[in-house]
Amino acid sequence: YIDGGSYAETTLSRNCTDLADVALKQRVLRNMSELSLETELF
């Protein structure tokens, strides 16, 4: 029930595969000693 999708589950599969295909750009030597994951919503 939680794992499945509708019909042939094509969109269910593409949700993950399309996202995995988004390639991140690696950058180095940027002094990342301070990093924040905080955000604010409403």
PDB file of all heavy atoms in Angstrom:
ATOM      1  N   TYR A   1       0.830  -1.201   0.000  1.00  0.00           N
ATOM      2  CA  TYR A   1       0.000   0.000   0.000  1.00  0.00           C
ATOM      3  C   TYR A   1       0.869   1.256   0.000  1.00  0.00           C
ATOM      4  O   TYR A   1       0.605   2.209  -0.747  1.00  0.00           O
ATOM      5  CB  TYR A   1      -0.938   0.010   1.217  1.00  0.00           C
ATOM      6  CG  TYR A   1      -1.796   1.256   1.273  1.00  0.00           C
ATOM      7  CD1 TYR A   1      -2.839   1.433   0.366  1.00  0.00           C
ATOM      8  CD2 TYR A   1      -1.558   2.256   2.215  1.00  0.00           C
ATOM      9  CE1 TYR A   1      -3.619   2.583   0.388  1.00  0.00           C
ATOM     10  CE2 TYR A   1      -2.334   3.404   2.243  1.00  0.00           C
ATOM     11  CZ  TYR A   1      -3.359   3.565   1.333  1.00  0.00           C
ATOM     12  OH  TYR A   1      -4.125   4.708   1.357  1.00  0.00           O
ATOM     13  N   ILE A   2       1.914   1.285   0.794  1.00  0.00           N
ATOM     14  CA  ILE A   2       2.779   2.464   0.844  1.00  0.00           C
ATOM     15  C   ILE A   2       3.785   2.454  -0.302  1.00  0.00           C
ATOM     16  O   ILE A   2       4.187   3.507  -0.806  1.00  0.00           O
ATOM     17  CB  ILE A   2       3.508   2.559   2.211  1.00  0.00           C
ATOM     18  CG1 ILE A   2       4.182   3.929   2.361  1.00  0.00           C
ATOM     19  CG2 ILE A   2       4.521   1.446   2.377  1.00  0.00           C
ATOM     20  CD1 ILE A   2       3.232   5.101   2.401  1.00  0.00           C
ATOM     21  N   ASP A   3       4.194   1.290  -0.753  1.00  0.00           N
ATOM     22  CA  ASP A   3       5.258   1.174  -1.749  1.00  0.00           C
ATOM     23  C   ASP A   3       4.754   1.361  -3.170  1.00  0.00           C
ATOM     24  O   ASP A   3       5.512   1.760  -4.053  1.00  0.00           O
ATOM     25  CB  ASP A   3       5.928  -0.196  -1.617  1.00  0.00           C
ATOM     26  CG  ASP A   3       7.240  -0.292  -2.379  1.00  0.00           C
ATOM     27  OD1 ASP A   3       8.184   0.433  -2.010  1.00  0.00           O
ATOM     28  OD2 ASP A   3       7.320  -1.094  -3.327  1.00  0.00           O
ATOM     29  N   GLY A   4       3.487   1.081  -3.399  1.00  0.00           N
ATOM     30  CA  GLY A   4       2.967   1.035  -4.760  1.00  0.00           C
ATOM     31  C   GLY A   4       2.463   2.357  -5.291  1.00  0.00           C
ATOM     32  O   GLY A   4       2.361   3.360  -4.581  1.00  0.00           O
ATOM     33  N   GLY A   5       2.151   2.356  -6.588  1.00  0.00           N
ATOM     34  CA  GLY A   5       1.599   3.525  -7.258  1.00  0.00           C
ATOM     35  C   GLY A   5       0.370   3.139  -8.044  1.00  0.00           C
ATOM     36  O   GLY A   5      -0.224   2.077  -7.830  1.00  0.00           O
ATOM     37  N   SER A   6      -0.012   3.979  -8.983  1.00  0.00           N
ATOM     38  CA  SER A   6      -1.220   3.721  -9.769  1.00  0.00           C
ATOM     39  C   SER A   6      -0.874   3.120 -11.124  1.00  0.00           C
ATOM     40  O   SER A   6       0.225   3.307 -11.651  1.00  0.00           O
ATOM     41  CB  SER A   6      -2.006   5.021  -9.965  1.00  0.00           C
ATOM     42  OG  SER A   6      -1.244   5.966 -10.699  1.00  0.00           O
ATOM     43  N   TYR A   7      -1.834   2.380 -11.658  1.00  0.00           N
ATOM     44  CA  TYR A   7      -1.722   1.772 -12.981  1.00  0.00           C
ATOM     45  C   TYR A   7      -0.406   0.998 -13.119  1.00  0.00           C
ATOM     46  O   TYR A   7      -0.097   0.143 -12.308  1.00  0.00           O
ATOM     47  CB  TYR A   7      -1.879   2.835 -14.078  1.00  0.00           C
ATOM     48  CG  TYR A   7      -3.225   3.523 -14.037  1.00  0.00           C
ATOM     49  CD1 TYR A   7      -3.418   4.676 -13.284  1.00  0.00           C
ATOM     50  CD2 TYR A   7      -4.317   2.999 -14.735  1.00  0.00           C
ATOM     51  CE1 TYR A   7      -4.660   5.299 -13.239  1.00  0.00           C
ATOM     52  CE2 TYR A   7      -5.559   3.617 -14.698  1.00  0.00           C
ATOM     53  CZ  TYR A   7      -5.721   4.768 -13.940  1.00  0.00           C
ATOM     54  OH  TYR A   7      -6.943   5.368 -13.882  1.00  0.00           O
ATOM     55  N   ALA A   8       0.412   1.306 -14.147  1.00  0.00           N
ATOM     56  CA  ALA A   8       1.661   0.584 -14.391  1.00  0.00           C
ATOM     57  C   ALA A   8       2.818   1.140 -13.560  1.00  0.00           C
ATOM     58  O   ALA A   8       3.948   0.672 -13.700  1.00  0.00           O
ATOM     59  CB  ALA A   8       2.018   0.637 -15.872  1.00  0.00           C
ATOM     60  N   GLU A   9       2.562   2.135 -12.748  1.00  0.00           N
ATOM     61  CA  GLU A   9       3.544   2.737 -11.844  1.00  0.00           C
ATOM     62  C   GLU A   9       4.701   3.395 -12.599  1.00  0.00           C
ATOM     63  O   GLU A   9       5.825   3.484 -12.104  1.00  0.00           O
ATOM     64  CB  GLU A   9       4.064   1.707 -10.838  1.00  0.00           C
ATOM     65  CG  GLU A   9       2.956   1.100  -9.986  1.00  0.00           C
ATOM     66  CD  GLU A   9       3.456   0.188  -8.883  1.00  0.00           C
ATOM     67  OE1 GLU A   9       4.668  -0.139  -8.864  1.00  0.00           O
ATOM     68  OE2 GLU A   9       2.635  -0.196  -8.015  1.00  0.00           O
ATOM     69  N   THR A  10       4.404   3.916 -13.784  1.00  0.00           N
ATOM     70  CA  THR A  10       5.428   4.595 -14.582  1.00  0.00           C
ATOM     71  C   THR A  10       5.874   5.888 -13.916  1.00  0.00           C
ATOM     72  O   THR A  10       7.084   6.155 -13.785  1.00  0.00           O
ATOM     73  CB  THR A  10       4.884   4.895 -15.993  1.00  0.00           C
ATOM     74  OG1 THR A  10       4.465   3.671 -16.604  1.00  0.00           O
ATOM     75  CG2 THR A  10       5.950   5.560 -16.852  1.00  0.00           C
ATOM     76  N   THR A  11       4.930   6.686 -13.479  1.00  0.00           N
ATOM     77  CA  THR A  11       5.278   7.950 -12.820  1.00  0.00           C
ATOM     78  C   THR A  11       5.986   7.693 -11.495  1.00  0.00           C
ATOM     79  O   THR A  11       6.927   8.412 -11.137  1.00  0.00           O
ATOM     80  CB  THR A  11       4.023   8.807 -12.614  1.00  0.00           C
ATOM     81  OG1 THR A  11       3.466   9.147 -13.900  1.00  0.00           O
ATOM     82  CG2 THR A  11       4.346  10.094 -11.873  1.00  0.00           C
ATOM     83  N   LEU A  12       5.538   6.681 -10.772  1.00  0.00           N
ATOM     84  CA  LEU A  12       6.210   6.309  -9.522  1.00  0.00           C
ATOM     85  C   LEU A  12       7.690   6.064  -9.772  1.00  0.00           C
ATOM     86  O   LEU A  12       8.550   6.556  -9.033  1.00  0.00           O
ATOM     87  CB  LEU A  12       5.550   5.057  -8.947  1.00  0.00           C
ATOM     88  CG  LEU A  12       6.253   4.382  -7.769  1.00  0.00           C
ATOM     89  CD1 LEU A  12       6.285   5.290  -6.554  1.00  0.00           C
ATOM     90  CD2 LEU A  12       5.571   3.060  -7.421  1.00  0.00           C
ATOM     91  N   SER A  13       7.995   5.328 -10.807  1.00  0.00           N
ATOM     92  CA  SER A  13       9.385   5.025 -11.129  1.00  0.00           C
ATOM     93  C   SER A  13      10.146   6.264 -11.581  1.00  0.00           C
ATOM     94  O   SER A  13      11.273   6.518 -11.148  1.00  0.00           O
ATOM     95  CB  SER A  13       9.437   3.948 -12.218  1.00  0.00           C
ATOM     96  OG  SER A  13      10.759   3.702 -12.637  1.00  0.00           O
ATOM     97  N   ARG A  14       9.521   7.074 -12.433  1.00  0.00           N
ATOM     98  CA  ARG A  14      10.191   8.259 -12.976  1.00  0.00           C
ATOM     99  C   ARG A  14      10.467   9.305 -11.901  1.00  0.00           C
ATOM    100  O   ARG A  14      11.411  10.084 -12.030  1.00  0.00           O
ATOM    101  CB  ARG A  14       9.356   8.857 -14.099  1.00  0.00           C
ATOM    102  CG  ARG A  14       9.388   8.040 -15.386  1.00  0.00           C
ATOM    103  CD  ARG A  14       8.481   8.629 -16.442  1.00  0.00           C
ATOM    104  NE  ARG A  14       8.497   7.821 -17.666  1.00  0.00           N
ATOM    105  CZ  ARG A  14       7.623   7.971 -18.657  1.00  0.00           C
ATOM    106  NH1 ARG A  14       6.655   8.888 -18.563  1.00  0.00           N
ATOM    107  NH2 ARG A  14       7.714   7.210 -19.732  1.00  0.00           N
ATOM    108  N   ASN A  15       9.636   9.343 -10.881  1.00  0.00           N
ATOM    109  CA  ASN A  15       9.902  10.294  -9.797  1.00  0.00           C
ATOM    110  C   ASN A  15      11.323  10.129  -9.262  1.00  0.00           C
ATOM    111  O   ASN A  15      12.014  11.116  -8.977  1.00  0.00           O
ATOM    112  CB  ASN A  15       8.902  10.095  -8.655  1.00  0.00           C
ATOM    113  CG  ASN A  15       7.570  10.750  -8.907  1.00  0.00           C
ATOM    114  OD1 ASN A  15       7.459  11.725  -9.659  1.00  0.00           O
ATOM    115  ND2 ASN A  15       6.524  10.229  -8.274  1.00  0.00           N
ATOM    116  N   CYS A  16      11.750   8.881  -9.120  1.00  0.00           N
ATOM    117  CA  CYS A  16      13.089   8.606  -8.583  1.00  0.00           C
ATOM    118  C   CYS A  16      14.168   8.665  -9.650  1.00  0.00           C
ATOM    119  O   CYS A  16      15.233   9.255  -9.434  1.00  0.00           O
ATOM    120  CB  CYS A  16      13.101   7.237  -7.899  1.00  0.00           C
ATOM    121  SG  CYS A  16      12.055   7.136  -6.423  1.00  0.00           S
ATOM    122  N   THR A  17      13.913   8.071 -10.818  1.00  0.00           N
ATOM    123  CA  THR A  17      14.961   8.015 -11.844  1.00  0.00           C
ATOM    124  C   THR A  17      15.249   9.396 -12.431  1.00  0.00           C
ATOM    125  O   THR A  17      16.413   9.740 -12.672  1.00  0.00           O
ATOM    126  CB  THR A  17      14.581   7.032 -12.960  1.00  0.00           C
ATOM    127  OG1 THR A  17      13.312   7.404 -13.527  1.00  0.00           O
ATOM    128  CG2 THR A  17      14.492   5.610 -12.419  1.00  0.00           C
ATOM    129  N   ASP A  18      14.205  10.190 -12.654  1.00  0.00           N
ATOM    130  CA  ASP A  18      14.431  11.544 -13.178  1.00  0.00           C
ATOM    131  C   ASP A  18      15.214  12.391 -12.180  1.00  0.00           C
ATOM    132  O   ASP A  18      16.072  13.189 -12.569  1.00  0.00           O
ATOM    133  CB  ASP A  18      13.092  12.227 -13.498  1.00  0.00           C
ATOM    134  CG  ASP A  18      12.414  11.655 -14.734  1.00  0.00           C
ATOM    135  OD1 ASP A  18      13.055  10.864 -15.455  1.00  0.00           O
ATOM    136  OD2 ASP A  18      11.231  11.988 -14.974  1.00  0.00           O
ATOM    137  N   LEU A  19      14.912  12.214 -10.913  1.00  0.00           N
ATOM    138  CA  LEU A  19      15.606  12.986  -9.886  1.00  0.00           C
ATOM    139  C   LEU A  19      17.072  12.555  -9.786  1.00  0.00           C
ATOM    140  O   LEU A  19      17.972  13.394  -9.643  1.00  0.00           O
ATOM    141  CB  LEU A  19      14.902  12.816  -8.550  1.00  0.00           C
ATOM    142  CG  LEU A  19      15.324  13.685  -7.374  1.00  0.00           C
ATOM    143  CD1 LEU A  19      15.409  15.156  -7.755  1.00  0.00           C
ATOM    144  CD2 LEU A  19      14.368  13.496  -6.206  1.00  0.00           C
ATOM    145  N   ALA A  20      17.307  11.261  -9.890  1.00  0.00           N
ATOM    146  CA  ALA A  20      18.686  10.759  -9.831  1.00  0.00           C
ATOM    147  C   ALA A  20      19.515  11.240 -11.013  1.00  0.00           C
ATOM    148  O   ALA A  20      20.750  11.326 -10.927  1.00  0.00           O
ATOM    149  CB  ALA A  20      18.685   9.235  -9.775  1.00  0.00           C
ATOM    150  N   ASP A  21      18.861  11.565 -12.127  1.00  0.00           N
ATOM    151  CA  ASP A  21      19.569  12.023 -13.325  1.00  0.00           C
ATOM    152  C   ASP A  21      20.002  13.487 -13.248  1.00  0.00           C
ATOM    153  O   ASP A  21      20.748  13.951 -14.113  1.00  0.00           O
ATOM    154  CB  ASP A  21      18.691  11.825 -14.567  1.00  0.00           C
ATOM    155  CG  ASP A  21      18.591  10.361 -14.980  1.00  0.00           C
ATOM    156  OD1 ASP A  21      19.453   9.569 -14.563  1.00  0.00           O
ATOM    157  OD2 ASP A  21      17.630  10.015 -15.699  1.00  0.00           O
ATOM    158  N   VAL A  22      19.511  14.213 -12.250  1.00  0.00           N
ATOM    159  CA  VAL A  22      19.918  15.612 -12.090  1.00  0.00           C
ATOM    160  C   VAL A  22      21.347  15.635 -11.555  1.00  0.00           C
ATOM    161  O   VAL A  22      21.614  15.181 -10.443  1.00  0.00           O
ATOM    162  CB  VAL A  22      18.971  16.361 -11.132  1.00  0.00           C
ATOM    163  CG1 VAL A  22      19.463  17.788 -10.904  1.00  0.00           C
ATOM    164  CG2 VAL A  22      17.547  16.370 -11.689  1.00  0.00           C
ATOM    165  N   ALA A  23      22.271  16.133 -12.351  1.00  0.00           N
ATOM    166  CA  ALA A  23      23.700  16.077 -12.021  1.00  0.00           C
ATOM    167  C   ALA A  23      24.132  17.324 -11.252  1.00  0.00           C
ATOM    168  O   ALA A  23      23.910  18.456 -11.700  1.00  0.00           O
ATOM    169  CB  ALA A  23      24.524  15.933 -13.295  1.00  0.00           C
ATOM    170  N   LEU A  24      24.745  17.099 -10.110  1.00  0.00           N
ATOM    171  CA  LEU A  24      25.275  18.191  -9.301  1.00  0.00           C
ATOM    172  C   LEU A  24      26.647  18.612  -9.822  1.00  0.00           C
ATOM    173  O   LEU A  24      27.407  17.799 -10.356  1.00  0.00           O
ATOM    174  CB  LEU A  24      25.389  17.758  -7.842  1.00  0.00           C
ATOM    175  CG  LEU A  24      24.070  17.406  -7.148  1.00  0.00           C
ATOM    176  CD1 LEU A  24      24.346  16.709  -5.820  1.00  0.00           C
ATOM    177  CD2 LEU A  24      23.225  18.645  -6.927  1.00  0.00           C
ATOM    178  N   LYS A  25      26.963  19.897  -9.670  1.00  0.00           N
ATOM    179  CA  LYS A  25      28.255  20.422 -10.100  1.00  0.00           C
ATOM    180  C   LYS A  25      29.202  20.492  -8.907  1.00  0.00           C
ATOM    181  O   LYS A  25      28.949  21.207  -7.940  1.00  0.00           O
ATOM    182  CB  LYS A  25      28.086  21.825 -10.692  1.00  0.00           C
ATOM    183  CG  LYS A  25      29.392  22.435 -11.235  1.00  0.00           C
ATOM    184  CD  LYS A  25      29.179  23.883 -11.649  1.00  0.00           C
ATOM    185  CE  LYS A  25      28.240  23.970 -12.844  1.00  0.00           C
ATOM    186  NZ  LYS A  25      28.084  25.385 -13.304  1.00  0.00           N
ATOM    187  N   GLN A  26      30.271  19.738  -8.968  1.00  0.00           N
ATOM    188  CA  GLN A  26      31.230  19.725  -7.857  1.00  0.00           C
ATOM    189  C   GLN A  26      32.150  20.936  -7.917  1.00  0.00           C
ATOM    190  O   GLN A  26      32.688  21.278  -8.964  1.00  0.00           O
ATOM    191  CB  GLN A  26      32.063  18.439  -7.894  1.00  0.00           C
ATOM    192  CG  GLN A  26      33.078  18.349  -6.764  1.00  0.00           C
ATOM    193  CD  GLN A  26      33.691  16.976  -6.639  1.00  0.00           C
ATOM    194  OE1 GLN A  26      32.985  15.987  -6.431  1.00  0.00           O
ATOM    195  NE2 GLN A  26      35.008  16.899  -6.770  1.00  0.00           N
ATOM    196  N   ARG A  27      32.311  21.582  -6.747  1.00  0.00           N
ATOM    197  CA  ARG A  27      33.254  22.690  -6.590  1.00  0.00           C
ATOM    198  C   ARG A  27      34.129  22.401  -5.376  1.00  0.00           C
ATOM    199  O   ARG A  27      33.653  21.854  -4.374  1.00  0.00           O
ATOM    200  CB  ARG A  27      32.500  24.013  -6.381  1.00  0.00           C
ATOM    201  CG  ARG A  27      31.554  24.400  -7.520  1.00  0.00           C
ATOM    202  CD  ARG A  27      32.287  24.631  -8.830  1.00  0.00           C
ATOM    203  NE  ARG A  27      33.341  25.628  -8.718  1.00  0.00           N
ATOM    204  CZ  ARG A  27      33.137  26.962  -8.837  1.00  0.00           C
ATOM    205  NH1 ARG A  27      31.907  27.425  -9.064  1.00  0.00           N
ATOM    206  NH2 ARG A  27      34.142  27.791  -8.733  1.00  0.00           N
ATOM    207  N   VAL A  28      35.393  22.790  -5.440  1.00  0.00           N
ATOM    208  CA  VAL A  28      36.334  22.472  -4.372  1.00  0.00           C
ATOM    209  C   VAL A  28      37.051  23.724  -3.883  1.00  0.00           C
ATOM    210  O   VAL A  28      36.985  24.794  -4.508  1.00  0.00           O
ATOM    211  CB  VAL A  28      37.366  21.420  -4.837  1.00  0.00           C
ATOM    212  CG1 VAL A  28      36.673  20.112  -5.174  1.00  0.00           C
ATOM    213  CG2 VAL A  28      38.163  21.931  -6.040  1.00  0.00           C
ATOM    214  N   LEU A  29      37.729  23.574  -2.737  1.00  0.00           N
ATOM    215  CA  LEU A  29      38.528  24.647  -2.129  1.00  0.00           C
ATOM    216  C   LEU A  29      37.698  25.914  -1.912  1.00  0.00           C
ATOM    217  O   LEU A  29      38.095  27.023  -2.263  1.00  0.00           O
ATOM    218  CB  LEU A  29      39.751  24.955  -3.004  1.00  0.00           C
ATOM    219  CG  LEU A  29      40.702  23.766  -3.248  1.00  0.00           C
ATOM    220  CD1 LEU A  29      41.810  24.154  -4.207  1.00  0.00           C
ATOM    221  CD2 LEU A  29      41.266  23.257  -1.930  1.00  0.00           C
ATOM    222  N   ARG A  30      36.521  25.744  -1.304  1.00  0.00           N
ATOM    223  CA  ARG A  30      35.589  26.863  -1.109  1.00  0.00           C
ATOM    224  C   ARG A  30      35.466  27.283   0.349  1.00  0.00           C
ATOM    225  O   ARG A  30      34.592  28.064   0.687  1.00  0.00           O
ATOM    226  CB  ARG A  30      34.201  26.462  -1.634  1.00  0.00           C
ATOM    227  CG  ARG A  30      34.193  25.892  -3.049  1.00  0.00           C
ATOM    228  CD  ARG A  30      34.371  26.917  -4.113  1.00  0.00           C
ATOM    229  NE  ARG A  30      33.188  27.746  -4.255  1.00  0.00           N
ATOM    230  CZ  ARG A  30      33.032  28.682  -5.186  1.00  0.00           C
ATOM    231  NH1 ARG A  30      34.020  28.908  -6.041  1.00  0.00           N
ATOM    232  NH2 ARG A  30      31.931  29.396  -5.254  1.00  0.00           N
ATOM    233  N   ASN A  31      36.295  26.731   1.242  1.00  0.00           N
ATOM    234  CA  ASN A  31      36.225  27.019   2.679  1.00  0.00           C
ATOM    235  C   ASN A  31      34.814  26.788   3.210  1.00  0.00           C
ATOM    236  O   ASN A  31      34.051  27.726   3.471  1.00  0.00           O
ATOM    237  CB  ASN A  31      36.667  28.441   2.998  1.00  0.00           C
ATOM    238  CG  ASN A  31      36.699  28.699   4.516  1.00  0.00           C
ATOM    239  OD1 ASN A  31      36.579  27.764   5.326  1.00  0.00           O
ATOM    240  ND2 ASN A  31      36.855  29.950   4.902  1.00  0.00           N
ATOM    241  N   MET A  32      34.467  25.530   3.385  1.00  0.00           N
ATOM    242  CA  MET A  32      33.122  25.138   3.813  1.00  0.00           C
ATOM    243  C   MET A  32      33.088  24.819   5.307  1.00  0.00           C
ATOM    244  O   MET A  32      32.320  23.967   5.750  1.00  0.00           O
ATOM    245  CB  MET A  32      32.659  23.939   2.989  1.00  0.00           C
ATOM    246  CG  MET A  32      32.583  24.194   1.495  1.00  0.00           C
ATOM    247  SD  MET A  32      31.455  25.536   1.081  1.00  0.00           S
ATOM    248  CE  MET A  32      29.916  24.813   1.614  1.00  0.00           C
ATOM    249  N   SER A  33      33.892  25.514   6.095  1.00  0.00           N
ATOM    250  CA  SER A  33      33.938  25.253   7.541  1.00  0.00           C
ATOM    251  C   SER A  33      32.641  25.648   8.232  1.00  0.00           C
ATOM    252  O   SER A  33      32.297  25.112   9.281  1.00  0.00           O
ATOM    253  CB  SER A  33      35.116  25.992   8.178  1.00  0.00           C
ATOM    254  OG  SER A  33      35.041  27.384   7.907  1.00  0.00           O
ATOM    255  N   GLU A  34      31.915  26.578   7.661  1.00  0.00           N
ATOM    256  CA  GLU A  34      30.616  26.988   8.217  1.00  0.00           C
ATOM    257  C   GLU A  34      29.525  26.668   7.201  1.00  0.00           C
ATOM    258  O   GLU A  34      29.543  27.173   6.082  1.00  0.00           O
ATOM    259  CB  GLU A  34      30.617  28.477   8.556  1.00  0.00           C
ATOM    260  CG  GLU A  34      31.579  28.849   9.681  1.00  0.00           C
ATOM    261  CD  GLU A  34      31.478  30.310  10.064  1.00  0.00           C
ATOM    262  OE1 GLU A  34      30.549  30.985   9.562  1.00  0.00           O
ATOM    263  OE2 GLU A  34      32.316  30.776  10.848  1.00  0.00           O
ATOM    264  N   LEU A  35      28.597  25.843   7.618  1.00  0.00           N
ATOM    265  CA  LEU A  35      27.548  25.384   6.716  1.00  0.00           C
ATOM    266  C   LEU A  35      26.235  25.309   7.492  1.00  0.00           C
ATOM    267  O   LEU A  35      26.196  24.779   8.604  1.00  0.00           O
ATOM    268  CB  LEU A  35      27.926  24.020   6.145  1.00  0.00           C
ATOM    269  CG  LEU A  35      27.098  23.439   4.991  1.00  0.00           C
ATOM    270  CD1 LEU A  35      27.960  22.483   4.160  1.00  0.00           C
ATOM    271  CD2 LEU A  35      25.872  22.697   5.508  1.00  0.00           C
ATOM    272  N   SER A  36      25.169  25.826   6.921  1.00  0.00           N
ATOM    273  CA  SER A  36      23.871  25.834   7.604  1.00  0.00           C
ATOM    274  C   SER A  36      22.802  25.182   6.745  1.00  0.00           C
ATOM    275  O   SER A  36      22.694  25.457   5.538  1.00  0.00           O
ATOM    276  CB  SER A  36      23.454  27.270   7.929  1.00  0.00           C
ATOM    277  OG  SER A  36      22.138  27.300   8.467  1.00  0.00           O
ATOM    278  N   LEU A  37      22.012  24.323   7.381  1.00  0.00           N
ATOM    279  CA  LEU A  37      20.876  23.685   6.711  1.00  0.00           C
ATOM    280  C   LEU A  37      19.544  24.271   7.169  1.00  0.00           C
ATOM    281  O   LEU A  37      18.481  23.780   6.797  1.00  0.00           O
ATOM    282  CB  LEU A  37      20.882  22.173   6.987  1.00  0.00           C
ATOM    283  CG  LEU A  37      22.143  21.400   6.591  1.00  0.00           C
ATOM    284  CD1 LEU A  37      21.956  19.919   6.908  1.00  0.00           C
ATOM    285  CD2 LEU A  37      22.469  21.587   5.126  1.00  0.00           C
ATOM    286  N   GLU A  38      19.604  25.316   7.968  1.00  0.00           N
ATOM    287  CA  GLU A  38      18.382  25.906   8.517  1.00  0.00           C
ATOM    288  C   GLU A  38      17.639  26.721   7.458  1.00  0.00           C
ATOM    289  O   GLU A  38      18.236  27.267   6.534  1.00  0.00           O
ATOM    290  CB  GLU A  38      18.718  26.811   9.707  1.00  0.00           C
ATOM    291  CG  GLU A  38      19.269  26.071  10.910  1.00  0.00           C
ATOM    292  CD  GLU A  38      19.558  27.013  12.071  1.00  0.00           C
ATOM    293  OE1 GLU A  38      19.401  28.237  11.890  1.00  0.00           O
ATOM    294  OE2 GLU A  38      19.950  26.518  13.141  1.00  0.00           O
ATOM    295  N   THR A  39      16.323  26.777   7.623  1.00  0.00           N
ATOM    296  CA  THR A  39      15.502  27.603   6.762  1.00  0.00           C
ATOM    297  C   THR A  39      14.294  28.086   7.550  1.00  0.00           C
ATOM    298  O   THR A  39      14.113  27.727   8.719  1.00  0.00           O
ATOM    299  CB  THR A  39      15.054  26.825   5.501  1.00  0.00           C
ATOM    300  OG1 THR A  39      14.436  27.729   4.580  1.00  0.00           O
ATOM    301  CG2 THR A  39      14.063  25.719   5.861  1.00  0.00           C
ATOM    302  N   GLU A  40      13.477  28.899   6.918  1.00  0.00           N
ATOM    303  CA  GLU A  40      12.271  29.417   7.571  1.00  0.00           C
ATOM    304  C   GLU A  40      11.112  29.366   6.594  1.00  0.00           C
ATOM    305  O   GLU A  40      11.242  29.741   5.423  1.00  0.00           O
ATOM    306  CB  GLU A  40      12.505  30.863   8.039  1.00  0.00           C
ATOM    307  CG  GLU A  40      11.385  31.397   8.914  1.00  0.00           C
ATOM    308  CD  GLU A  40      11.700  32.763   9.519  1.00  0.00           C
ATOM    309  OE1 GLU A  40      12.639  32.843  10.337  1.00  0.00           O
ATOM    310  OE2 GLU A  40      11.016  33.733   9.156  1.00  0.00           O
ATOM    311  N   LEU A  41       9.990  28.860   7.074  1.00  0.00           N
ATOM    312  CA  LEU A  41       8.766  28.790   6.281  1.00  0.00           C
ATOM    313  C   LEU A  41       7.612  29.329   7.098  1.00  0.00           C
ATOM    314  O   LEU A  41       7.371  28.862   8.219  1.00  0.00           O
ATOM    315  CB  LEU A  41       8.455  27.340   5.896  1.00  0.00           C
ATOM    316  CG  LEU A  41       9.081  26.728   4.641  1.00  0.00           C
ATOM    317  CD1 LEU A  41       8.582  25.297   4.492  1.00  0.00           C
ATOM    318  CD2 LEU A  41       8.752  27.530   3.395  1.00  0.00           C
ATOM    319  N   PHE A  42       6.917  30.320   6.574  1.00  0.00           N
ATOM    320  CA  PHE A  42       5.730  30.847   7.235  1.00  0.00           C
ATOM    321  C   PHE A  42       6.039  31.236   8.689  1.00  0.00           C
ATOM    322  O   PHE A  42       5.289  30.886   9.614  1.00  0.00           O
ATOM    323  CB  PHE A  42       4.580  29.828   7.183  1.00  0.00           C
ATOM    324  CG  PHE A  42       4.410  29.184   5.831  1.00  0.00           C
ATOM    325  CD1 PHE A  42       4.543  27.813   5.676  1.00  0.00           C
ATOM    326  CD2 PHE A  42       4.148  29.942   4.704  1.00  0.00           C
ATOM    327  CE1 PHE A  42       4.401  27.202   4.430  1.00  0.00           C
ATOM    328  CE2 PHE A  42       4.005  29.348   3.457  1.00  0.00           C
ATOM    329  CZ  PHE A  42       4.129  27.977   3.323  1.00  0.00           C
TER     330      PHE A  42
END
